[in-house]
Amino acid sequence: MQSVKWNKEVFTPSKIICVGRNYAAHIAELNNETPTNMVLFAKPNSAITDSLNSEHLGEALHYETELCFLVKDKQLAAVALGLDLTKRGLQSTLKEKGLPWERAKAFNGSALFTEFVAVNASCHYQFSLKIDGIDTQLGDTRLMLHNAEQILAEISDFMDLEDGDIIMTGTPEGVGKVVANSSFAVTLMDDQQELLSHQWQAL
């Protein structure tokens, strides 16, 4: 079982709940329709990894940088940045056929996380991804169609969240293919104050 750390504690998430289509610009760049209801899907614990792979079982992977929250006592306790890795070609095929996304989203090694830090009560954050030093994705909670508290309430309405479970809140525009040997650097800000930064080297 894979674990994450926060405040010197080790948590073993039973699941990761992800929000799809939560930024209007990202919806547009993939030519998707804006959903009437919140789009939610899950990744298992086995999705968690520290390695940023460019392929899985011979299929190319695409990156999606996301603001992530760790749940404790049914509340949003800690925040981090994560990469939701996606088999974009397979996902498109599954969507066209009206089939579930798990094969394209929930495979082993499809979720990476930075360290977690304590949540700010305002839950207003900005984040960025640079690939090889080039600004690639910029996110801001003000641009999210559903904010973190709304997401928590929606999930909790039909599913129990256990201590250590993680919520991934969706990605802004700028997604693309993971290229081997490229450097991914993410930064999380809270009203101009840097909360954390992390770097992965793609394999």
N, C-alpha and C. Protein backbone atom coordinates (compact mmCIF):
# COMPACT_ATOMS: atom_id res chain seq x y z
N MET A 1 0.84 -1.20 0.00
CA MET A 1 0.00 0.00 0.00
C MET A 1 0.88 1.25 0.00
N GLN A 2 0.53 2.21 -0.85
CA GLN A 2 1.31 3.44 -0.98
C GLN A 2 0.85 4.48 0.04
N SER A 3 1.80 5.28 0.53
CA SER A 3 1.50 6.27 1.57
C SER A 3 1.95 7.66 1.16
N VAL A 4 1.39 8.67 1.86
CA VAL A 4 1.82 10.05 1.71
C VAL A 4 2.08 10.61 3.10
N LYS A 5 2.82 11.74 3.17
CA LYS A 5 3.19 12.29 4.45
C LYS A 5 2.67 13.71 4.61
N TRP A 6 2.26 14.03 5.82
CA TRP A 6 1.90 15.39 6.19
C TRP A 6 2.09 15.57 7.69
N ASN A 7 2.76 16.66 8.05
CA ASN A 7 2.91 17.03 9.46
C ASN A 7 3.48 15.87 10.28
N LYS A 8 4.49 15.21 9.72
CA LYS A 8 5.20 14.08 10.35
C LYS A 8 4.33 12.83 10.50
N GLU A 9 3.12 12.88 9.96
CA GLU A 9 2.26 11.70 9.96
C GLU A 9 2.29 11.02 8.60
N VAL A 10 2.12 9.72 8.62
CA VAL A 10 2.06 8.94 7.38
C VAL A 10 0.63 8.48 7.18
N PHE A 11 0.07 8.77 6.00
CA PHE A 11 -1.30 8.38 5.69
C PHE A 11 -1.28 7.41 4.51
N THR A 12 -2.14 6.42 4.57
CA THR A 12 -2.30 5.47 3.48
C THR A 12 -3.69 5.66 2.89
N PRO A 13 -3.79 6.42 1.80
CA PRO A 13 -5.12 6.69 1.23
C PRO A 13 -5.81 5.40 0.78
N SER A 14 -7.08 5.28 1.11
CA SER A 14 -7.83 4.13 0.61
C SER A 14 -8.25 4.37 -0.84
N LYS A 15 -8.28 5.67 -1.22
CA LYS A 15 -8.72 6.03 -2.58
C LYS A 15 -8.36 7.47 -2.87
N ILE A 16 -8.37 7.79 -4.16
CA ILE A 16 -8.19 9.16 -4.64
C ILE A 16 -9.43 9.49 -5.46
N ILE A 17 -10.11 10.56 -5.10
CA ILE A 17 -11.29 10.98 -5.86
C ILE A 17 -10.91 12.21 -6.69
N CYS A 18 -11.16 12.13 -7.98
CA CYS A 18 -10.72 13.17 -8.92
C CYS A 18 -11.92 13.89 -9.53
N VAL A 19 -11.72 15.18 -9.77
CA VAL A 19 -12.74 15.99 -10.43
C VAL A 19 -12.31 16.21 -11.88
N GLY A 20 -13.19 15.93 -12.80
CA GLY A 20 -12.93 16.19 -14.21
C GLY A 20 -13.63 17.45 -14.67
N ARG A 21 -13.05 18.12 -15.67
CA ARG A 21 -13.69 19.29 -16.29
C ARG A 21 -14.06 20.37 -15.28
N ASN A 22 -13.05 20.82 -14.52
CA ASN A 22 -13.30 21.81 -13.48
C ASN A 22 -12.72 23.19 -13.85
N TYR A 23 -12.13 23.31 -15.05
CA TYR A 23 -11.63 24.60 -15.54
C TYR A 23 -12.17 24.80 -16.95
N ALA A 24 -12.80 25.93 -17.19
CA ALA A 24 -13.44 26.17 -18.49
C ALA A 24 -12.45 26.11 -19.64
N ALA A 25 -11.24 26.66 -19.45
CA ALA A 25 -10.26 26.68 -20.54
C ALA A 25 -9.78 25.28 -20.88
N HIS A 26 -9.68 24.41 -19.88
CA HIS A 26 -9.27 23.03 -20.14
C HIS A 26 -10.38 22.27 -20.87
N ILE A 27 -11.62 22.53 -20.50
CA ILE A 27 -12.75 21.92 -21.21
C ILE A 27 -12.68 22.29 -22.68
N ALA A 28 -12.38 23.56 -22.95
CA ALA A 28 -12.34 24.04 -24.33
C ALA A 28 -11.18 23.42 -25.11
N GLU A 29 -10.00 23.30 -24.46
CA GLU A 29 -8.84 22.80 -25.20
C GLU A 29 -8.99 21.33 -25.62
N LEU A 30 -9.83 20.58 -24.91
CA LEU A 30 -10.07 19.19 -25.28
C LEU A 30 -11.39 19.01 -26.03
N ASN A 31 -12.04 20.15 -26.35
CA ASN A 31 -13.30 20.11 -27.09
C ASN A 31 -14.38 19.28 -26.39
N ASN A 32 -14.41 19.40 -25.06
CA ASN A 32 -15.43 18.70 -24.28
C ASN A 32 -16.61 19.62 -24.00
N GLU A 33 -17.73 19.03 -23.66
CA GLU A 33 -18.89 19.81 -23.25
C GLU A 33 -18.78 20.15 -21.76
N THR A 34 -19.26 21.31 -21.38
CA THR A 34 -19.31 21.67 -19.97
C THR A 34 -20.40 20.85 -19.29
N PRO A 35 -20.04 20.05 -18.27
CA PRO A 35 -21.03 19.17 -17.66
C PRO A 35 -22.04 19.91 -16.81
N THR A 36 -23.25 19.36 -16.75
CA THR A 36 -24.29 19.92 -15.88
C THR A 36 -23.99 19.62 -14.43
N ASN A 37 -23.51 18.41 -14.17
CA ASN A 37 -23.17 17.97 -12.81
C ASN A 37 -21.66 17.77 -12.69
N MET A 38 -21.17 17.79 -11.46
CA MET A 38 -19.76 17.59 -11.20
C MET A 38 -19.31 16.22 -11.70
N VAL A 39 -18.20 16.19 -12.45
CA VAL A 39 -17.67 14.93 -12.98
C VAL A 39 -16.66 14.38 -11.97
N LEU A 40 -16.91 13.18 -11.48
CA LEU A 40 -16.05 12.55 -10.48
C LEU A 40 -15.64 11.15 -10.93
N PHE A 41 -14.40 10.80 -10.65
CA PHE A 41 -13.93 9.44 -10.90
C PHE A 41 -12.88 9.11 -9.84
N ALA A 42 -12.50 7.86 -9.74
CA ALA A 42 -11.60 7.42 -8.67
C ALA A 42 -10.34 6.75 -9.21
N LYS A 43 -9.29 6.88 -8.43
CA LYS A 43 -8.06 6.13 -8.63
C LYS A 43 -7.82 5.30 -7.36
N PRO A 44 -7.27 4.10 -7.49
CA PRO A 44 -6.98 3.28 -6.31
C PRO A 44 -5.67 3.68 -5.66
N ASN A 45 -5.40 3.15 -4.50
CA ASN A 45 -4.14 3.40 -3.81
C ASN A 45 -2.94 3.02 -4.68
N SER A 46 -3.08 1.98 -5.49
CA SER A 46 -1.96 1.51 -6.32
C SER A 46 -1.57 2.50 -7.41
N ALA A 47 -2.38 3.56 -7.61
CA ALA A 47 -2.04 4.58 -8.60
C ALA A 47 -0.91 5.48 -8.11
N ILE A 48 -0.69 5.56 -6.79
CA ILE A 48 0.29 6.48 -6.21
C ILE A 48 1.71 6.02 -6.49
N THR A 49 2.55 6.95 -6.93
CA THR A 49 3.94 6.65 -7.23
C THR A 49 4.79 7.90 -7.03
N ASP A 50 6.11 7.71 -6.94
CA ASP A 50 7.04 8.83 -6.92
C ASP A 50 7.72 9.01 -8.26
N SER A 51 7.46 8.11 -9.21
CA SER A 51 8.14 8.12 -10.50
C SER A 51 7.24 8.69 -11.58
N LEU A 52 7.76 9.65 -12.32
CA LEU A 52 7.03 10.26 -13.43
C LEU A 52 7.41 9.52 -14.72
N ASN A 53 6.55 8.64 -15.14
CA ASN A 53 6.83 7.84 -16.34
C ASN A 53 6.20 8.48 -17.57
N SER A 54 6.86 8.33 -18.69
CA SER A 54 6.34 8.86 -19.95
C SER A 54 5.46 7.84 -20.67
N GLU A 55 5.54 6.57 -20.25
CA GLU A 55 4.74 5.52 -20.86
C GLU A 55 4.27 4.53 -19.80
N HIS A 56 3.18 3.83 -20.11
CA HIS A 56 2.71 2.72 -19.27
C HIS A 56 2.23 1.62 -20.20
N LEU A 57 2.87 0.48 -20.11
CA LEU A 57 2.55 -0.67 -20.97
C LEU A 57 2.56 -0.27 -22.45
N GLY A 58 3.55 0.56 -22.79
CA GLY A 58 3.72 0.95 -24.18
C GLY A 58 2.84 2.09 -24.66
N GLU A 59 1.99 2.63 -23.79
CA GLU A 59 1.10 3.73 -24.17
C GLU A 59 1.63 5.05 -23.62
N ALA A 60 1.62 6.10 -24.45
CA ALA A 60 2.09 7.42 -24.05
C ALA A 60 1.20 7.99 -22.95
N LEU A 61 1.81 8.74 -22.04
CA LEU A 61 1.08 9.37 -20.94
C LEU A 61 1.08 10.88 -21.09
N HIS A 62 -0.02 11.50 -20.68
CA HIS A 62 -0.16 12.95 -20.67
C HIS A 62 -0.26 13.42 -19.22
N TYR A 63 0.27 14.61 -18.94
CA TYR A 63 0.26 15.18 -17.60
C TYR A 63 -0.92 16.11 -17.41
N GLU A 64 -1.41 16.18 -16.18
CA GLU A 64 -2.40 17.16 -15.75
C GLU A 64 -2.03 17.59 -14.34
N THR A 65 -1.65 18.84 -14.16
CA THR A 65 -1.26 19.35 -12.84
C THR A 65 -2.51 19.76 -12.07
N GLU A 66 -2.58 19.33 -10.81
CA GLU A 66 -3.82 19.57 -10.05
C GLU A 66 -3.55 19.96 -8.60
N LEU A 67 -4.42 20.80 -8.08
CA LEU A 67 -4.44 21.10 -6.65
C LEU A 67 -5.11 19.92 -5.94
N CYS A 68 -4.47 19.45 -4.87
CA CYS A 68 -4.94 18.23 -4.20
C CYS A 68 -5.11 18.48 -2.70
N PHE A 69 -6.08 17.82 -2.12
CA PHE A 69 -6.35 17.95 -0.69
C PHE A 69 -6.36 16.59 -0.02
N LEU A 70 -5.77 16.54 1.17
CA LEU A 70 -5.80 15.34 2.00
C LEU A 70 -6.91 15.51 3.02
N VAL A 71 -7.70 14.47 3.20
CA VAL A 71 -8.86 14.52 4.11
C VAL A 71 -8.50 13.90 5.45
N LYS A 72 -8.88 14.58 6.52
CA LYS A 72 -8.74 14.04 7.88
C LYS A 72 -9.95 14.51 8.68
N ASP A 73 -10.57 13.60 9.41
CA ASP A 73 -11.76 13.91 10.20
C ASP A 73 -12.85 14.55 9.33
N LYS A 74 -12.97 14.03 8.09
CA LYS A 74 -14.01 14.45 7.15
C LYS A 74 -13.81 15.88 6.62
N GLN A 75 -12.65 16.48 6.90
CA GLN A 75 -12.38 17.85 6.47
C GLN A 75 -11.15 17.91 5.58
N LEU A 76 -11.00 19.03 4.87
CA LEU A 76 -9.80 19.27 4.07
C LEU A 76 -8.69 19.72 5.01
N ALA A 77 -7.74 18.84 5.28
CA ALA A 77 -6.74 19.12 6.31
C ALA A 77 -5.42 19.62 5.75
N ALA A 78 -5.05 19.15 4.56
CA ALA A 78 -3.74 19.50 4.00
C ALA A 78 -3.87 19.63 2.49
N VAL A 79 -2.94 20.39 1.90
CA VAL A 79 -2.99 20.67 0.47
C VAL A 79 -1.63 20.35 -0.16
N ALA A 80 -1.67 19.96 -1.42
CA ALA A 80 -0.45 19.63 -2.16
C ALA A 80 -0.72 19.85 -3.64
N LEU A 81 0.28 19.60 -4.45
CA LEU A 81 0.10 19.55 -5.89
C LEU A 81 0.32 18.13 -6.36
N GLY A 82 -0.37 17.77 -7.41
CA GLY A 82 -0.25 16.41 -7.93
C GLY A 82 -0.27 16.40 -9.45
N LEU A 83 0.18 15.29 -10.00
CA LEU A 83 0.07 15.05 -11.43
C LEU A 83 -0.87 13.88 -11.65
N ASP A 84 -1.93 14.14 -12.40
CA ASP A 84 -2.85 13.10 -12.83
C ASP A 84 -2.39 12.66 -14.22
N LEU A 85 -1.82 11.47 -14.31
CA LEU A 85 -1.32 10.97 -15.59
C LEU A 85 -2.44 10.23 -16.32
N THR A 86 -2.52 10.49 -17.61
CA THR A 86 -3.65 10.03 -18.41
C THR A 86 -3.19 9.42 -19.71
N LYS A 87 -3.82 8.32 -20.10
CA LYS A 87 -3.63 7.77 -21.44
C LYS A 87 -4.66 8.45 -22.34
N ARG A 88 -4.26 9.58 -22.95
CA ARG A 88 -5.21 10.44 -23.62
C ARG A 88 -5.90 9.76 -24.80
N GLY A 89 -5.12 9.04 -25.60
CA GLY A 89 -5.72 8.36 -26.75
C GLY A 89 -6.75 7.34 -26.32
N LEU A 90 -6.41 6.55 -25.31
CA LEU A 90 -7.34 5.54 -24.80
C LEU A 90 -8.56 6.20 -24.18
N GLN A 91 -8.34 7.29 -23.44
CA GLN A 91 -9.48 7.98 -22.82
C GLN A 91 -10.46 8.48 -23.88
N SER A 92 -9.93 9.03 -24.97
CA SER A 92 -10.80 9.54 -26.04
C SER A 92 -11.63 8.42 -26.65
N THR A 93 -11.00 7.27 -26.83
CA THR A 93 -11.71 6.12 -27.39
C THR A 93 -12.82 5.65 -26.45
N LEU A 94 -12.51 5.60 -25.15
CA LEU A 94 -13.50 5.17 -24.17
C LEU A 94 -14.67 6.14 -24.09
N LYS A 95 -14.36 7.45 -24.13
CA LYS A 95 -15.43 8.45 -24.08
C LYS A 95 -16.35 8.35 -25.29
N GLU A 96 -15.75 8.14 -26.46
CA GLU A 96 -16.56 8.02 -27.68
C GLU A 96 -17.53 6.86 -27.60
N LYS A 97 -17.14 5.79 -26.89
CA LYS A 97 -17.98 4.61 -26.77
C LYS A 97 -18.87 4.64 -25.53
N GLY A 98 -18.76 5.72 -24.76
CA GLY A 98 -19.57 5.85 -23.55
C GLY A 98 -19.15 4.90 -22.45
N LEU A 99 -17.86 4.51 -22.43
CA LEU A 99 -17.35 3.56 -21.45
C LEU A 99 -16.61 4.27 -20.33
N PRO A 100 -16.44 3.60 -19.17
CA PRO A 100 -15.71 4.21 -18.04
C PRO A 100 -14.26 4.53 -18.41
N TRP A 101 -13.64 5.43 -17.62
CA TRP A 101 -12.29 5.91 -17.91
C TRP A 101 -11.18 5.16 -17.16
N GLU A 102 -11.52 4.21 -16.31
CA GLU A 102 -10.50 3.65 -15.40
C GLU A 102 -9.24 3.16 -16.12
N ARG A 103 -9.37 2.52 -17.27
CA ARG A 103 -8.18 2.02 -17.97
C ARG A 103 -7.25 3.16 -18.39
N ALA A 104 -7.80 4.35 -18.56
CA ALA A 104 -7.01 5.50 -19.00
C ALA A 104 -6.56 6.38 -17.84
N LYS A 105 -7.14 6.18 -16.65
CA LYS A 105 -6.89 7.08 -15.53
C LYS A 105 -6.41 6.41 -14.25
N ALA A 106 -6.74 5.15 -14.04
CA ALA A 106 -6.54 4.52 -12.73
C ALA A 106 -5.47 3.44 -12.72
N PHE A 107 -4.62 3.44 -13.73
CA PHE A 107 -3.58 2.41 -13.83
C PHE A 107 -2.48 2.66 -12.78
N ASN A 108 -1.64 1.66 -12.53
CA ASN A 108 -0.55 1.79 -11.57
C ASN A 108 0.38 2.93 -11.99
N GLY A 109 0.72 3.78 -11.03
CA GLY A 109 1.64 4.87 -11.31
C GLY A 109 1.03 6.09 -11.96
N SER A 110 -0.27 6.26 -11.84
CA SER A 110 -0.95 7.37 -12.53
C SER A 110 -1.18 8.60 -11.66
N ALA A 111 -0.65 8.61 -10.44
CA ALA A 111 -0.86 9.75 -9.54
C ALA A 111 0.42 10.05 -8.75
N LEU A 112 0.92 11.27 -8.89
CA LEU A 112 2.10 11.72 -8.16
C LEU A 112 1.72 12.91 -7.29
N PHE A 113 2.35 13.01 -6.11
CA PHE A 113 2.04 14.10 -5.19
C PHE A 113 3.31 14.70 -4.61
N THR A 114 3.27 16.01 -4.38
CA THR A 114 4.31 16.68 -3.61
C THR A 114 4.05 16.39 -2.13
N GLU A 115 4.85 16.99 -1.28
CA GLU A 115 4.54 16.95 0.14
C GLU A 115 3.22 17.70 0.37
N PHE A 116 2.56 17.41 1.48
CA PHE A 116 1.35 18.13 1.87
C PHE A 116 1.68 19.16 2.95
N VAL A 117 0.97 20.30 2.90
CA VAL A 117 1.11 21.34 3.93
C VAL A 117 -0.28 21.69 4.43
N ALA A 118 -0.34 22.33 5.59
CA ALA A 118 -1.63 22.64 6.21
C ALA A 118 -2.47 23.54 5.31
N VAL A 119 -3.78 23.32 5.32
CA VAL A 119 -4.71 24.10 4.52
C VAL A 119 -4.89 25.49 5.10
N ASN A 120 -4.93 26.49 4.22
CA ASN A 120 -5.31 27.84 4.59
C ASN A 120 -6.83 27.91 4.65
N ALA A 121 -7.36 28.56 5.65
CA ALA A 121 -8.81 28.60 5.82
C ALA A 121 -9.53 29.19 4.60
N SER A 122 -8.86 30.09 3.88
CA SER A 122 -9.51 30.71 2.73
C SER A 122 -9.56 29.78 1.53
N CYS A 123 -8.67 28.78 1.51
CA CYS A 123 -8.60 27.83 0.38
C CYS A 123 -8.43 28.56 -0.96
N HIS A 124 -7.70 29.66 -0.95
CA HIS A 124 -7.41 30.36 -2.21
C HIS A 124 -5.94 30.13 -2.57
N TYR A 125 -5.73 29.45 -3.67
CA TYR A 125 -4.37 29.08 -4.08
C TYR A 125 -4.14 29.35 -5.56
N GLN A 126 -2.87 29.50 -5.90
CA GLN A 126 -2.43 29.53 -7.29
C GLN A 126 -1.33 28.48 -7.42
N PHE A 127 -1.21 27.90 -8.59
CA PHE A 127 -0.14 26.92 -8.79
C PHE A 127 0.35 26.97 -10.22
N SER A 128 1.55 26.44 -10.42
CA SER A 128 2.14 26.48 -11.76
C SER A 128 2.94 25.21 -12.02
N LEU A 129 3.08 24.91 -13.31
CA LEU A 129 3.96 23.84 -13.78
C LEU A 129 4.89 24.42 -14.83
N LYS A 130 6.18 24.19 -14.63
CA LYS A 130 7.17 24.51 -15.65
C LYS A 130 7.80 23.21 -16.14
N ILE A 131 7.89 23.06 -17.46
CA ILE A 131 8.56 21.91 -18.04
C ILE A 131 9.83 22.42 -18.72
N ASP A 132 10.96 21.92 -18.25
CA ASP A 132 12.27 22.39 -18.75
C ASP A 132 12.36 23.91 -18.69
N GLY A 133 11.81 24.49 -17.60
CA GLY A 133 11.92 25.91 -17.36
C GLY A 133 10.89 26.76 -18.06
N ILE A 134 10.01 26.18 -18.84
CA ILE A 134 9.00 26.92 -19.60
C ILE A 134 7.64 26.83 -18.91
N ASP A 135 7.01 27.99 -18.67
CA ASP A 135 5.67 28.01 -18.07
C ASP A 135 4.71 27.21 -18.94
N THR A 136 4.05 26.21 -18.34
CA THR A 136 3.22 25.30 -19.11
C THR A 136 1.78 25.27 -18.62
N GLN A 137 1.57 25.27 -17.30
CA GLN A 137 0.23 25.32 -16.75
C GLN A 137 0.18 26.31 -15.59
N LEU A 138 -0.90 27.07 -15.53
CA LEU A 138 -1.14 28.01 -14.43
C LEU A 138 -2.55 27.78 -13.93
N GLY A 139 -2.68 27.55 -12.64
CA GLY A 139 -3.99 27.30 -12.05
C GLY A 139 -4.29 28.28 -10.93
N ASP A 140 -5.55 28.54 -10.70
CA ASP A 140 -5.99 29.46 -9.66
C ASP A 140 -7.36 28.98 -9.19
N THR A 141 -7.53 28.88 -7.89
CA THR A 141 -8.81 28.39 -7.38
C THR A 141 -9.98 29.29 -7.77
N ARG A 142 -9.71 30.54 -8.10
CA ARG A 142 -10.79 31.45 -8.52
C ARG A 142 -11.34 31.04 -9.89
N LEU A 143 -10.57 30.25 -10.64
CA LEU A 143 -11.00 29.83 -11.97
C LEU A 143 -11.69 28.47 -11.98
N MET A 144 -11.75 27.82 -10.83
CA MET A 144 -12.38 26.51 -10.74
C MET A 144 -13.89 26.64 -10.82
N LEU A 145 -14.54 25.76 -11.56
CA LEU A 145 -16.00 25.78 -11.65
C LEU A 145 -16.62 25.34 -10.33
N HIS A 146 -15.93 24.45 -9.62
CA HIS A 146 -16.38 23.97 -8.31
C HIS A 146 -15.23 24.17 -7.33
N ASN A 147 -15.47 24.87 -6.22
CA ASN A 147 -14.38 25.09 -5.27
C ASN A 147 -14.20 23.86 -4.37
N ALA A 148 -13.15 23.91 -3.56
CA ALA A 148 -12.77 22.73 -2.77
C ALA A 148 -13.87 22.30 -1.80
N GLU A 149 -14.51 23.25 -1.15
CA GLU A 149 -15.57 22.90 -0.19
C GLU A 149 -16.78 22.30 -0.90
N GLN A 150 -17.10 22.82 -2.07
CA GLN A 150 -18.21 22.25 -2.84
C GLN A 150 -17.89 20.81 -3.27
N ILE A 151 -16.65 20.60 -3.66
CA ILE A 151 -16.23 19.25 -4.06
C ILE A 151 -16.32 18.29 -2.88
N LEU A 152 -15.81 18.72 -1.73
CA LEU A 152 -15.87 17.88 -0.53
C LEU A 152 -17.31 17.52 -0.20
N ALA A 153 -18.22 18.51 -0.25
CA ALA A 153 -19.62 18.26 0.09
C ALA A 153 -20.27 17.30 -0.91
N GLU A 154 -19.95 17.49 -2.20
CA GLU A 154 -20.54 16.63 -3.23
C GLU A 154 -20.11 15.18 -3.06
N ILE A 155 -18.82 14.96 -2.81
CA ILE A 155 -18.33 13.59 -2.62
C ILE A 155 -18.92 12.99 -1.35
N SER A 156 -18.91 13.76 -0.27
CA SER A 156 -19.37 13.25 1.03
C SER A 156 -20.85 12.93 1.03
N ASP A 157 -21.59 13.47 0.06
CA ASP A 157 -23.02 13.20 -0.03
C ASP A 157 -23.32 11.75 -0.38
N PHE A 158 -22.37 11.08 -1.05
CA PHE A 158 -22.64 9.70 -1.46
C PHE A 158 -21.52 8.73 -1.13
N MET A 159 -20.42 9.20 -0.52
CA MET A 159 -19.29 8.33 -0.27
C MET A 159 -18.58 8.76 1.01
N ASP A 160 -18.20 7.80 1.84
CA ASP A 160 -17.41 8.11 3.03
C ASP A 160 -15.96 8.35 2.65
N LEU A 161 -15.41 9.45 3.15
CA LEU A 161 -14.00 9.74 2.96
C LEU A 161 -13.26 9.43 4.25
N GLU A 162 -12.23 8.61 4.15
CA GLU A 162 -11.46 8.17 5.31
C GLU A 162 -10.21 9.03 5.47
N ASP A 163 -9.64 9.03 6.67
CA ASP A 163 -8.42 9.78 6.91
C ASP A 163 -7.34 9.35 5.91
N GLY A 164 -6.75 10.35 5.26
CA GLY A 164 -5.71 10.06 4.29
C GLY A 164 -6.18 10.02 2.85
N ASP A 165 -7.49 9.93 2.62
CA ASP A 165 -7.99 9.96 1.24
C ASP A 165 -7.63 11.31 0.61
N ILE A 166 -7.45 11.30 -0.69
CA ILE A 166 -7.00 12.49 -1.41
C ILE A 166 -8.04 12.89 -2.45
N ILE A 167 -8.26 14.19 -2.55
CA ILE A 167 -9.13 14.75 -3.59
C ILE A 167 -8.26 15.53 -4.57
N MET A 168 -8.36 15.20 -5.85
CA MET A 168 -7.68 15.94 -6.92
C MET A 168 -8.73 16.80 -7.61
N THR A 169 -8.51 18.11 -7.69
CA THR A 169 -9.59 19.04 -8.01
C THR A 169 -9.68 19.45 -9.48
N GLY A 170 -8.93 18.81 -10.36
CA GLY A 170 -9.02 19.12 -11.77
C GLY A 170 -7.85 19.96 -12.26
N THR A 171 -7.67 19.99 -13.57
CA THR A 171 -6.50 20.64 -14.16
C THR A 171 -6.88 21.83 -15.02
N PRO A 172 -6.03 22.87 -15.04
CA PRO A 172 -6.25 23.99 -15.96
C PRO A 172 -5.75 23.64 -17.36
N GLU A 173 -5.87 24.57 -18.29
CA GLU A 173 -5.41 24.33 -19.65
C GLU A 173 -3.89 24.16 -19.69
N GLY A 174 -3.41 23.57 -20.78
CA GLY A 174 -1.97 23.39 -20.96
C GLY A 174 -1.50 21.97 -20.80
N VAL A 175 -2.43 21.00 -20.79
CA VAL A 175 -2.03 19.60 -20.64
C VAL A 175 -1.30 19.15 -21.90
N GLY A 176 -0.53 18.08 -21.76
CA GLY A 176 0.20 17.58 -22.91
C GLY A 176 0.94 16.29 -22.59
N LYS A 177 1.73 15.85 -23.53
CA LYS A 177 2.44 14.57 -23.43
C LYS A 177 3.67 14.68 -22.53
N VAL A 178 3.88 13.66 -21.72
CA VAL A 178 5.09 13.57 -20.92
C VAL A 178 6.23 13.09 -21.82
N VAL A 179 7.29 13.87 -21.89
CA VAL A 179 8.44 13.51 -22.70
C VAL A 179 9.56 13.03 -21.80
N ALA A 180 10.10 11.86 -22.09
CA ALA A 180 11.16 11.29 -21.26
C ALA A 180 12.34 12.26 -21.16
N ASN A 181 12.93 12.31 -19.96
CA ASN A 181 14.10 13.14 -19.64
C ASN A 181 13.76 14.63 -19.45
N SER A 182 12.49 15.01 -19.56
CA SER A 182 12.12 16.40 -19.30
C SER A 182 11.97 16.62 -17.80
N SER A 183 12.14 17.87 -17.38
CA SER A 183 12.07 18.25 -15.98
C SER A 183 10.76 18.96 -15.68
N PHE A 184 10.01 18.45 -14.71
CA PHE A 184 8.72 19.02 -14.30
C PHE A 184 8.90 19.70 -12.94
N ALA A 185 8.65 21.01 -12.88
CA ALA A 185 8.78 21.76 -11.63
C ALA A 185 7.44 22.41 -11.31
N VAL A 186 6.89 22.12 -10.13
CA VAL A 186 5.61 22.69 -9.72
C VAL A 186 5.80 23.58 -8.50
N THR A 187 4.96 24.62 -8.42
CA THR A 187 5.01 25.55 -7.29
C THR A 187 3.59 25.86 -6.85
N LEU A 188 3.37 25.86 -5.54
CA LEU A 188 2.07 26.20 -4.96
C LEU A 188 2.21 27.52 -4.21
N MET A 189 1.31 28.46 -4.52
CA MET A 189 1.32 29.78 -3.90
C MET A 189 0.01 30.01 -3.16
N ASP A 190 0.08 30.87 -2.15
CA ASP A 190 -1.11 31.32 -1.42
C ASP A 190 -1.02 32.83 -1.31
N ASP A 191 -1.71 33.55 -2.23
CA ASP A 191 -1.65 35.01 -2.24
C ASP A 191 -0.21 35.52 -2.21
N GLN A 192 0.56 35.07 -3.19
CA GLN A 192 1.94 35.52 -3.43
C GLN A 192 2.98 34.90 -2.51
N GLN A 193 2.57 34.10 -1.57
CA GLN A 193 3.51 33.42 -0.69
C GLN A 193 3.70 31.98 -1.17
N GLU A 194 4.95 31.59 -1.39
CA GLU A 194 5.22 30.22 -1.83
C GLU A 194 5.06 29.25 -0.67
N LEU A 195 4.22 28.23 -0.88
CA LEU A 195 3.98 27.23 0.14
C LEU A 195 4.83 25.99 -0.05
N LEU A 196 5.06 25.63 -1.31
CA LEU A 196 5.89 24.47 -1.57
C LEU A 196 6.30 24.47 -3.04
N SER A 197 7.36 23.74 -3.33
CA SER A 197 7.78 23.51 -4.70
C SER A 197 8.37 22.11 -4.76
N HIS A 198 8.32 21.53 -5.97
CA HIS A 198 8.79 20.15 -6.12
C HIS A 198 9.19 19.94 -7.58
N GLN A 199 10.09 19.00 -7.79
CA GLN A 199 10.53 18.71 -9.16
C GLN A 199 10.57 17.22 -9.39
N TRP A 200 10.11 16.81 -10.57
CA TRP A 200 10.22 15.41 -11.01
C TRP A 200 10.99 15.37 -12.32
N GLN A 201 11.73 14.31 -12.52
CA GLN A 201 12.40 14.06 -13.79
C GLN A 201 11.66 12.94 -14.50
N ALA A 202 11.19 13.19 -15.71
CA ALA A 202 10.41 12.19 -16.43
C ALA A 202 11.31 11.05 -16.89
N LEU A 203 10.78 9.85 -16.80
CA LEU A 203 11.51 8.64 -17.17
C LEU A 203 11.03 8.12 -18.53
